[in-house]
Amino acid sequence: MSSPSSARPALPLDPPGGRRAALVWGVGVCVYLVAVVFRTSLGVAGLDAADRFHVNASALSAFSILQLLVYAGMQIPVGLLVDRLGTRKVLTLGIVLFTVGQLGFALSPSYGMALAARALLGCGDAMTFISVLRLGSRWFPARRGPMVVQIAGLFGVVGNLLSTIVLARTLDSLGWTATFAGSSLAGLVVFVLVVAFLKDHPEGFEPEPVPHAGVAYVRHQIVRAWREPGTRLGMWVHFTTQFPAMVFLLLWGMPFLVEAQGLSRGRAGELLTVVVLSNMVVGLVYGQLIARHHAARAPLALGTIGATALVWAATVTYPGAHAPMWLLVTLCAVLGACGPASMIGFDFARPANPPERQGTASGIVNIGGFTASMTTLFAIGVLLDATGGSYRVAFSSVFVLQVLGGAQILRLRARTARLERERLVASRVETVHVPV
């Protein structure tokens, strides 16, 4: 047994992890999984929703736009709530909201009521991912951060997979109301799990109390987080990488594959599954690479953006009536890298902000991808109506946001890297102990 003097000193406020941490954090990511199932359930039901509520493409896109508008608008308030109230309370409220929203969507007799239900769902959904990130940082050591973030994203992918496979089949066999009402029961299950098992932090690792000064404190948190180049870089990485896959899976992938590419709904569903499976594999690879080579973050993000733009362009500009199956499969496989690449944004924001500002910084980052997704969902719907259903024109709107986001990433990456190096040197100097 080693003596205390020979043991490596633990970093302050660096929790040990372990089985207990895995159990508590597992409850949190299960909540996130259910939220993603509810969020993406419209992706396999877009055509059914258009028939049920008798709406055109623009009105159909309003479902996802409103949901994402609420989600994006809630990110900073949720980050502040998590920093102040803790994970357990915020997750509990989120579960109640997204479960009521999913049940309301199942029972809505009109387009207006269905819109209100999706807005409520988006509000509850907004409270999940930031809470899970905060939970991971409180229960696992900092060196596990990149992998914890990617695994959290992986659970979201599993939720997407369940939505793509299970809900698509139950819609065909059970119909609209039974499918959406039945899925809302998952919210009750995770509510019980949170109440019974979830804790904000391990024993002995309580965060230092932070004084709160009302509006002044809120403004201070937001301004300080935004001033960090790492926070802004993380937001633009999330903005540029997440939205192509989000738009494809959340709403427009199924109509594009069926109406523009002439596939059956079954075959289109299989291709959407390729996106999800690719996401799972790439997420694990990116997590390992970033954990071992921190400098790989920006190249991975930029490489994903470039590959997505290339394959997307090849698909929408293909000269034939329909793109060949190999190209559609390649597109879906590359889109699978968008989710893991968006998680890299949080790896830029985390080292740039102290623990008491992590929720706020994560909220700012998370706004990025959902703002881009909301904008693109709206643009595609408007362009489809304006061009008589030309997916070639409508899907080209993706490139505008990729150029904007890519330019911002290139502008901020050098300054962020320099500040990270300076902080690393300073932290090493502070941890040097002179023996007495």
Protein backbone atom coordinates (compact mmCIF):
# COMPACT_ATOMS: atom_id res chain seq x y z
CA MET A 1 0.00 0.00 0.00
CA SER A 2 1.46 3.36 -1.03
CA SER A 3 1.95 6.10 1.49
CA PRO A 4 -0.01 9.35 1.25
CA SER A 5 3.10 11.23 0.25
CA SER A 6 3.71 8.93 -2.71
CA ALA A 7 0.14 8.96 -3.91
CA ARG A 8 -0.70 11.28 -6.76
CA PRO A 9 -2.77 14.18 -5.39
CA ALA A 10 -6.31 14.40 -6.71
CA LEU A 11 -7.35 17.56 -8.48
CA PRO A 12 -9.73 19.68 -6.40
CA LEU A 13 -13.39 19.13 -7.15
CA ASP A 14 -12.47 16.31 -9.55
CA PRO A 15 -14.96 13.49 -8.75
CA PRO A 16 -13.77 9.87 -8.88
CA GLY A 17 -16.41 8.38 -11.19
CA GLY A 18 -17.07 4.67 -10.67
CA ARG A 19 -20.20 2.49 -10.66
CA ARG A 20 -22.29 4.87 -8.62
CA ALA A 21 -21.48 7.66 -11.06
CA ALA A 22 -22.38 5.44 -14.00
CA LEU A 23 -25.74 4.57 -12.43
CA VAL A 24 -26.74 8.15 -11.63
CA TRP A 25 -25.52 9.49 -14.96
CA GLY A 26 -27.23 6.58 -16.72
CA VAL A 27 -30.57 7.76 -15.34
CA GLY A 28 -29.88 11.22 -16.75
CA VAL A 29 -29.01 9.97 -20.22
CA CYS A 30 -32.14 7.78 -20.23
CA VAL A 31 -34.15 10.98 -19.80
CA TYR A 32 -32.26 12.48 -22.74
CA LEU A 33 -32.94 9.34 -24.80
CA VAL A 34 -36.69 9.63 -24.24
CA ALA A 35 -36.60 13.34 -25.06
CA VAL A 36 -34.90 12.57 -28.39
CA VAL A 37 -37.48 9.89 -29.19
CA PHE A 38 -40.21 12.47 -28.69
CA ARG A 39 -38.28 15.19 -30.55
CA THR A 40 -37.60 13.08 -33.65
CA SER A 41 -40.92 11.23 -33.74
CA LEU A 42 -42.20 13.71 -36.33
CA GLY A 43 -39.35 12.73 -38.65
CA VAL A 44 -41.03 9.41 -39.47
CA ALA A 45 -44.54 10.87 -39.29
CA GLY A 46 -44.14 13.93 -41.52
CA LEU A 47 -46.25 12.54 -44.36
CA ASP A 48 -48.86 11.28 -41.86
CA ALA A 49 -48.97 14.72 -40.19
CA ALA A 50 -49.50 16.45 -43.54
CA ASP A 51 -52.47 14.16 -44.25
CA ARG A 52 -53.89 14.34 -40.71
CA PHE A 53 -53.86 18.13 -40.46
CA HIS A 54 -54.25 18.89 -44.21
CA VAL A 55 -51.22 21.19 -44.45
CA ASN A 56 -48.62 22.04 -47.11
CA ALA A 57 -44.82 21.88 -46.83
CA SER A 58 -44.42 25.28 -45.15
CA ALA A 59 -47.07 24.52 -42.54
CA LEU A 60 -45.58 21.08 -41.96
CA SER A 61 -42.14 22.56 -41.36
CA ALA A 62 -43.71 24.89 -38.79
CA PHE A 63 -44.05 21.92 -36.40
CA SER A 64 -40.30 21.40 -36.24
CA ILE A 65 -39.47 25.10 -36.52
CA LEU A 66 -41.61 26.04 -33.54
CA GLN A 67 -40.26 23.12 -31.54
CA LEU A 68 -36.67 24.12 -32.28
CA LEU A 69 -37.42 27.82 -31.76
CA VAL A 70 -38.62 27.07 -28.26
CA TYR A 71 -35.67 24.70 -27.72
CA ALA A 72 -33.08 27.25 -28.86
CA GLY A 73 -34.71 30.11 -26.97
CA MET A 74 -34.68 28.07 -23.75
CA GLN A 75 -30.99 27.16 -23.83
CA ILE A 76 -29.53 30.09 -21.91
CA PRO A 77 -32.39 30.21 -19.36
CA VAL A 78 -32.02 26.45 -18.84
CA GLY A 79 -28.25 26.80 -18.45
CA LEU A 80 -28.79 29.42 -15.77
CA LEU A 81 -31.40 27.24 -14.06
CA VAL A 82 -29.06 24.25 -14.02
CA ASP A 83 -26.24 26.35 -12.57
CA ARG A 84 -28.57 27.65 -9.84
CA LEU A 85 -31.04 24.82 -9.06
CA GLY A 86 -29.07 21.73 -10.02
CA THR A 87 -29.75 18.89 -12.44
CA ARG A 88 -32.44 16.95 -10.58
CA LYS A 89 -35.00 19.73 -10.36
CA VAL A 90 -34.52 20.88 -13.95
CA LEU A 91 -34.69 17.36 -15.37
CA THR A 92 -37.86 16.62 -13.41
CA LEU A 93 -39.58 19.70 -14.80
CA GLY A 94 -38.36 18.83 -18.30
CA ILE A 95 -39.85 15.33 -18.10
CA VAL A 96 -43.25 16.66 -17.10
CA LEU A 97 -43.28 19.16 -19.96
CA PHE A 98 -42.13 16.88 -22.79
CA THR A 99 -44.41 14.05 -21.67
CA VAL A 100 -47.47 16.30 -21.62
CA GLY A 101 -46.39 17.68 -25.00
CA GLN A 102 -46.11 14.22 -26.57
CA LEU A 103 -49.48 13.15 -25.19
CA GLY A 104 -51.06 16.39 -26.36
CA PHE A 105 -49.65 15.84 -29.86
CA ALA A 106 -51.26 12.39 -29.91
CA LEU A 107 -54.67 13.74 -29.00
CA SER A 108 -54.66 17.07 -30.87
CA PRO A 109 -57.73 17.39 -33.12
CA SER A 110 -56.45 20.47 -34.96
CA TYR A 111 -53.27 21.92 -36.44
CA GLY A 112 -53.18 24.76 -33.90
CA MET A 113 -53.40 22.46 -30.88
CA ALA A 114 -50.75 20.19 -32.38
CA LEU A 115 -48.43 23.20 -32.76
CA ALA A 116 -48.95 24.11 -29.11
CA ALA A 117 -48.15 20.53 -28.09
CA ARG A 118 -44.88 20.55 -30.06
CA ALA A 119 -43.93 23.87 -28.43
CA LEU A 120 -44.48 22.36 -24.98
CA LEU A 121 -42.46 19.32 -26.00
CA GLY A 122 -39.63 21.56 -27.19
CA CYS A 123 -39.63 23.39 -23.85
CA GLY A 124 -39.22 20.15 -21.90
CA ASP A 125 -36.69 18.76 -24.37
CA ALA A 126 -34.58 21.90 -23.93
CA MET A 127 -34.01 21.02 -20.28
CA THR A 128 -32.44 17.61 -20.87
CA PHE A 129 -29.09 17.76 -22.65
CA ILE A 130 -27.54 20.64 -20.70
CA SER A 131 -28.63 18.92 -17.50
CA VAL A 132 -26.97 15.68 -18.61
CA LEU A 133 -23.74 17.51 -19.43
CA ARG A 134 -23.74 19.15 -16.01
CA LEU A 135 -24.46 15.80 -14.36
CA GLY A 136 -21.49 14.22 -16.13
CA SER A 137 -19.12 16.99 -15.07
CA ARG A 138 -20.24 16.57 -11.44
CA TRP A 139 -19.86 12.78 -11.31
CA PHE A 140 -16.84 12.02 -13.56
CA PRO A 141 -13.27 13.34 -13.58
CA ALA A 142 -12.47 16.06 -16.11
CA ARG A 143 -10.27 13.79 -18.23
CA ARG A 144 -13.37 11.73 -19.03
CA GLY A 145 -15.19 14.81 -20.34
CA PRO A 146 -14.88 14.21 -24.11
CA MET A 147 -15.98 10.58 -23.84
CA VAL A 148 -18.83 11.44 -21.47
CA VAL A 149 -20.14 14.02 -23.96
CA GLN A 150 -19.91 11.62 -26.91
CA ILE A 151 -21.64 8.82 -24.99
CA ALA A 152 -24.42 11.22 -24.04
CA GLY A 153 -24.79 12.02 -27.71
CA LEU A 154 -24.79 8.29 -28.42
CA PHE A 155 -27.81 7.82 -26.21
CA GLY A 156 -29.51 10.51 -28.24
CA VAL A 157 -28.69 8.49 -31.34
CA VAL A 158 -30.27 5.41 -29.77
CA GLY A 159 -33.38 7.51 -29.15
CA ASN A 160 -33.31 8.53 -32.79
CA LEU A 161 -32.96 4.89 -33.80
CA LEU A 162 -35.94 3.88 -31.67
CA SER A 163 -37.97 6.65 -33.25
CA THR A 164 -36.94 5.61 -36.76
CA ILE A 165 -37.57 1.90 -36.33
CA VAL A 166 -40.20 1.44 -33.64
CA LEU A 167 -42.44 4.45 -34.19
CA ALA A 168 -42.37 4.04 -37.96
CA ARG A 169 -43.69 0.49 -37.61
CA THR A 170 -46.28 1.28 -34.95
CA LEU A 171 -47.63 4.13 -37.07
CA ASP A 172 -48.39 1.65 -39.82
CA SER A 173 -49.93 -0.93 -37.50
CA LEU A 174 -51.56 1.07 -34.68
CA GLY A 175 -52.16 4.50 -36.13
CA TRP A 176 -51.43 8.06 -35.00
CA THR A 177 -53.12 8.32 -31.60
CA ALA A 178 -52.05 4.94 -30.23
CA THR A 179 -48.45 5.44 -31.36
CA PHE A 180 -47.89 8.89 -29.86
CA ALA A 181 -49.98 8.32 -26.73
CA GLY A 182 -48.29 4.98 -26.08
CA SER A 183 -44.81 6.47 -26.47
CA SER A 184 -45.63 9.14 -23.85
CA LEU A 185 -45.61 6.39 -21.20
CA ALA A 186 -41.81 6.37 -21.46
CA GLY A 187 -41.88 9.81 -19.84
CA LEU A 188 -43.56 8.35 -16.77
CA VAL A 189 -40.89 5.66 -16.51
CA VAL A 190 -37.96 8.11 -16.52
CA PHE A 191 -39.79 10.40 -14.10
CA VAL A 192 -39.85 7.57 -11.55
CA LEU A 193 -36.16 6.82 -12.18
CA VAL A 194 -35.13 10.44 -11.62
CA VAL A 195 -37.13 10.76 -8.41
CA ALA A 196 -35.76 7.47 -7.06
CA PHE A 197 -32.09 7.49 -8.08
CA LEU A 198 -30.76 10.79 -9.43
CA LYS A 199 -28.51 13.03 -7.31
CA ASP A 200 -26.82 16.24 -8.40
CA HIS A 201 -23.33 15.28 -7.18
CA PRO A 202 -21.43 12.65 -5.14
CA GLU A 203 -21.10 12.94 -1.40
CA GLY A 204 -18.25 15.25 -0.47
CA PHE A 205 -18.16 16.99 -3.87
CA GLU A 206 -20.74 19.68 -3.25
CA PRO A 207 -20.07 22.75 -5.41
CA GLU A 208 -19.04 25.96 -3.74
CA PRO A 209 -22.06 28.21 -3.07
CA VAL A 210 -22.23 30.98 -5.64
CA PRO A 211 -23.86 34.28 -4.70
CA HIS A 212 -26.82 35.19 -6.89
CA ALA A 213 -27.77 38.79 -7.47
CA GLY A 214 -30.90 38.61 -9.61
CA VAL A 215 -30.75 40.18 -13.05
CA ALA A 216 -27.22 41.43 -12.51
CA TYR A 217 -25.98 37.90 -11.83
CA VAL A 218 -27.75 36.51 -14.89
CA ARG A 219 -26.28 39.21 -17.11
CA HIS A 220 -22.84 38.63 -15.63
CA GLN A 221 -22.99 34.89 -16.30
CA ILE A 222 -24.08 35.31 -19.90
CA VAL A 223 -21.62 38.09 -20.72
CA ARG A 224 -18.64 36.33 -19.15
CA ALA A 225 -19.44 33.07 -20.93
CA TRP A 226 -19.93 34.80 -24.28
CA ARG A 227 -16.67 36.74 -24.01
CA GLU A 228 -14.73 33.51 -23.97
CA PRO A 229 -13.57 32.67 -27.52
CA GLY A 230 -13.90 28.97 -26.63
CA THR A 231 -17.62 29.42 -25.96
CA ARG A 232 -18.18 31.21 -29.26
CA LEU A 233 -16.07 28.68 -31.16
CA GLY A 234 -18.05 25.86 -29.57
CA MET A 235 -21.31 27.52 -30.63
CA TRP A 236 -20.18 27.88 -34.26
CA VAL A 237 -18.92 24.30 -34.37
CA HIS A 238 -22.30 23.14 -33.10
CA PHE A 239 -24.07 25.50 -35.53
CA THR A 240 -22.23 24.26 -38.60
CA THR A 241 -21.99 20.53 -37.94
CA GLN A 242 -25.33 19.55 -36.44
CA PHE A 243 -28.00 20.98 -38.70
CA PRO A 244 -27.68 18.94 -41.96
CA ALA A 245 -28.38 15.66 -40.17
CA MET A 246 -30.94 17.27 -37.88
CA VAL A 247 -32.91 18.65 -40.83
CA PHE A 248 -32.70 15.30 -42.62
CA LEU A 249 -33.79 13.20 -39.66
CA LEU A 250 -36.21 15.59 -38.02
CA LEU A 251 -38.42 16.26 -41.03
CA TRP A 252 -37.19 16.42 -44.61
CA GLY A 253 -35.24 13.18 -45.06
CA MET A 254 -38.27 10.94 -45.46
CA PRO A 255 -40.13 13.21 -47.93
CA PHE A 256 -36.91 13.75 -49.93
CA LEU A 257 -36.20 10.04 -50.25
CA VAL A 258 -39.81 9.14 -51.09
CA GLU A 259 -40.92 12.05 -53.26
CA ALA A 260 -37.64 13.16 -54.90
CA GLN A 261 -35.78 9.83 -55.03
CA GLY A 262 -38.73 7.51 -55.67
CA LEU A 263 -38.04 5.13 -52.79
CA SER A 264 -40.65 3.26 -50.81
CA ARG A 265 -41.24 4.38 -47.24
CA GLY A 266 -39.69 1.13 -46.02
CA ARG A 267 -36.49 1.66 -47.99
CA ALA A 268 -36.37 5.33 -46.96
CA GLY A 269 -36.69 4.28 -43.33
CA GLU A 270 -33.74 1.91 -43.78
CA LEU A 271 -31.62 4.78 -45.09
CA LEU A 272 -32.56 6.96 -42.12
CA THR A 273 -31.40 4.07 -39.95
CA VAL A 274 -28.01 4.23 -41.71
CA VAL A 275 -27.65 7.82 -40.46
CA VAL A 276 -28.33 6.72 -36.92
CA LEU A 277 -26.03 3.68 -36.99
CA SER A 278 -23.22 5.71 -38.53
CA ASN A 279 -23.72 8.28 -35.77
CA MET A 280 -23.23 5.60 -33.13
CA VAL A 281 -19.97 4.32 -34.63
CA VAL A 282 -18.49 7.74 -35.41
CA GLY A 283 -19.39 9.03 -31.94
CA LEU A 284 -17.28 6.37 -30.25
CA VAL A 285 -14.36 7.01 -32.63
CA TYR A 286 -14.48 10.79 -32.18
CA GLY A 287 -14.70 10.44 -28.40
CA GLN A 288 -11.58 8.25 -28.25
CA LEU A 289 -9.63 10.49 -30.64
CA ILE A 290 -10.41 13.69 -28.75
CA ALA A 291 -9.72 12.13 -25.36
CA ARG A 292 -6.25 11.07 -26.56
CA HIS A 293 -5.46 13.97 -28.92
CA HIS A 294 -7.08 17.22 -27.83
CA ALA A 295 -5.74 19.02 -30.90
CA ALA A 296 -7.89 16.80 -33.13
CA ARG A 297 -11.07 18.73 -32.25
CA ALA A 298 -10.92 21.43 -34.93
CA PRO A 299 -9.66 19.13 -37.75
CA LEU A 300 -12.44 16.64 -37.02
CA ALA A 301 -15.09 19.37 -37.03
CA LEU A 302 -13.82 20.99 -40.24
CA GLY A 303 -13.36 17.62 -41.92
CA THR A 304 -16.95 16.67 -41.11
CA ILE A 305 -18.22 19.96 -42.53
CA GLY A 306 -16.25 19.49 -45.74
CA ALA A 307 -17.33 15.87 -46.23
CA THR A 308 -20.97 16.73 -45.59
CA ALA A 309 -20.92 19.61 -48.07
CA LEU A 310 -19.24 17.45 -50.74
CA VAL A 311 -21.64 14.51 -50.53
CA TRP A 312 -24.72 16.73 -50.11
CA ALA A 313 -23.73 18.64 -53.27
CA ALA A 314 -23.14 15.43 -55.20
CA THR A 315 -26.60 14.17 -54.23
CA VAL A 316 -28.66 17.28 -54.99
CA THR A 317 -26.84 18.03 -58.27
CA TYR A 318 -26.83 14.47 -59.60
CA PRO A 319 -27.80 14.76 -63.30
CA GLY A 320 -30.16 11.78 -63.40
CA ALA A 321 -33.78 11.66 -62.28
CA HIS A 322 -32.76 9.86 -59.10
CA ALA A 323 -29.41 9.61 -57.32
CA PRO A 324 -27.99 6.06 -57.30
CA MET A 325 -28.43 4.01 -54.15
CA TRP A 326 -24.70 3.96 -53.38
CA LEU A 327 -24.68 7.78 -53.29
CA LEU A 328 -27.73 7.93 -51.02
CA VAL A 329 -26.13 5.40 -48.67
CA THR A 330 -22.91 7.45 -48.67
CA LEU A 331 -24.88 10.61 -47.90
CA CYS A 332 -26.59 8.96 -44.95
CA ALA A 333 -23.32 7.51 -43.65
CA VAL A 334 -21.61 10.93 -43.80
CA LEU A 335 -24.59 12.64 -42.16
CA GLY A 336 -24.06 10.21 -39.29
CA ALA A 337 -20.85 12.07 -38.43
CA CYS A 338 -22.68 15.39 -37.95
CA GLY A 339 -24.00 14.58 -34.47
CA PRO A 340 -20.64 13.51 -33.01
CA ALA A 341 -18.95 16.50 -34.63
CA SER A 342 -21.46 18.85 -32.99
CA MET A 343 -20.52 17.42 -29.58
CA ILE A 344 -17.00 18.77 -30.15
CA GLY A 345 -18.43 22.23 -29.57
CA PHE A 346 -18.90 21.47 -25.88
CA ASP A 347 -15.24 20.36 -25.67
CA PHE A 348 -14.23 23.89 -26.70
CA ALA A 349 -16.55 25.61 -24.22
CA ARG A 350 -15.84 23.43 -21.17
CA PRO A 351 -12.14 24.34 -20.60
CA ALA A 352 -12.90 28.00 -21.28
CA ASN A 353 -15.38 28.37 -18.39
CA PRO A 354 -15.25 27.68 -14.63
CA PRO A 355 -17.60 25.05 -13.10
CA GLU A 356 -20.17 27.60 -11.92
CA ARG A 357 -20.63 28.80 -15.52
CA GLN A 358 -20.70 25.43 -17.30
CA GLY A 359 -24.48 25.31 -17.69
CA THR A 360 -24.66 28.80 -19.14
CA ALA A 361 -21.79 28.14 -21.57
CA SER A 362 -23.30 24.83 -22.66
CA GLY A 363 -26.60 26.61 -23.29
CA ILE A 364 -24.89 29.11 -25.57
CA VAL A 365 -23.18 26.31 -27.50
CA ASN A 366 -26.40 24.33 -27.82
CA ILE A 367 -28.20 27.31 -29.34
CA GLY A 368 -25.96 27.07 -32.40
CA GLY A 369 -27.05 23.84 -34.05
CA PHE A 370 -30.72 24.27 -33.26
CA THR A 371 -30.78 27.82 -34.63
CA ALA A 372 -29.20 26.56 -37.85
CA SER A 373 -31.64 23.65 -38.00
CA MET A 374 -34.63 25.91 -37.45
CA THR A 375 -33.47 28.31 -40.15
CA THR A 376 -32.87 25.53 -42.67
CA LEU A 377 -36.16 23.77 -41.93
CA PHE A 378 -37.98 27.02 -42.67
CA ALA A 379 -35.95 27.77 -45.80
CA ILE A 380 -36.52 24.30 -47.26
CA GLY A 381 -40.27 24.46 -46.63
CA VAL A 382 -40.58 27.92 -48.24
CA LEU A 383 -38.41 26.98 -51.22
CA LEU A 384 -40.32 23.74 -51.81
CA ASP A 385 -43.61 25.65 -51.97
CA ALA A 386 -42.08 28.41 -54.12
CA THR A 387 -40.51 26.03 -56.65
CA GLY A 388 -43.29 23.49 -56.88
CA GLY A 389 -41.40 20.85 -54.91
CA SER A 390 -37.83 21.20 -56.21
CA TYR A 391 -35.66 19.53 -53.58
CA ARG A 392 -32.58 20.42 -55.62
CA VAL A 393 -33.17 24.13 -55.02
CA ALA A 394 -34.53 23.77 -51.50
CA PHE A 395 -31.71 21.57 -50.22
CA SER A 396 -29.09 23.96 -51.61
CA SER A 397 -29.91 26.33 -48.74
CA VAL A 398 -27.71 24.12 -46.57
CA PHE A 399 -24.55 25.49 -48.17
CA VAL A 400 -25.23 29.09 -47.08
CA LEU A 401 -25.09 28.20 -43.39
CA GLN A 402 -22.10 25.91 -43.86
CA VAL A 403 -20.08 28.75 -45.40
CA LEU A 404 -21.10 31.16 -42.63
CA GLY A 405 -20.27 28.74 -39.83
CA GLY A 406 -17.04 27.50 -41.40
CA ALA A 407 -15.73 31.07 -41.70
CA GLN A 408 -16.42 31.73 -38.01
CA ILE A 409 -14.66 28.53 -36.96
CA LEU A 410 -11.56 29.45 -38.93
CA ARG A 411 -11.63 32.95 -37.40
CA LEU A 412 -11.82 31.79 -33.76
CA ARG A 413 -9.80 28.57 -33.63
CA ALA A 414 -6.30 30.11 -33.31
CA ARG A 415 -7.25 32.48 -30.48
CA THR A 416 -9.04 29.71 -28.60
CA ALA A 417 -6.04 27.38 -28.90
CA ARG A 418 -3.70 30.10 -27.60
CA LEU A 419 -5.85 30.82 -24.54
CA GLU A 420 -6.16 27.10 -23.77
CA ARG A 421 -2.37 26.72 -23.84
CA GLU A 422 -1.94 29.72 -21.52
CA ARG A 423 -4.47 28.32 -19.04
CA LEU A 424 -2.83 24.90 -19.12
CA VAL A 425 0.58 26.38 -18.31
CA ALA A 426 -0.94 28.45 -15.50
CA SER A 427 -2.72 25.45 -13.98
CA ARG A 428 0.49 23.39 -14.01
CA VAL A 429 2.34 26.16 -12.21
CA GLU A 430 -0.43 26.40 -9.57
CA THR A 431 -0.33 22.67 -8.86
CA VAL A 432 3.42 22.62 -8.11
CA HIS A 433 3.90 21.98 -4.38
CA VAL A 434 7.14 22.90 -2.57
CA PRO A 435 7.93 20.32 0.16
CA VAL A 436 8.45 21.69 3.66
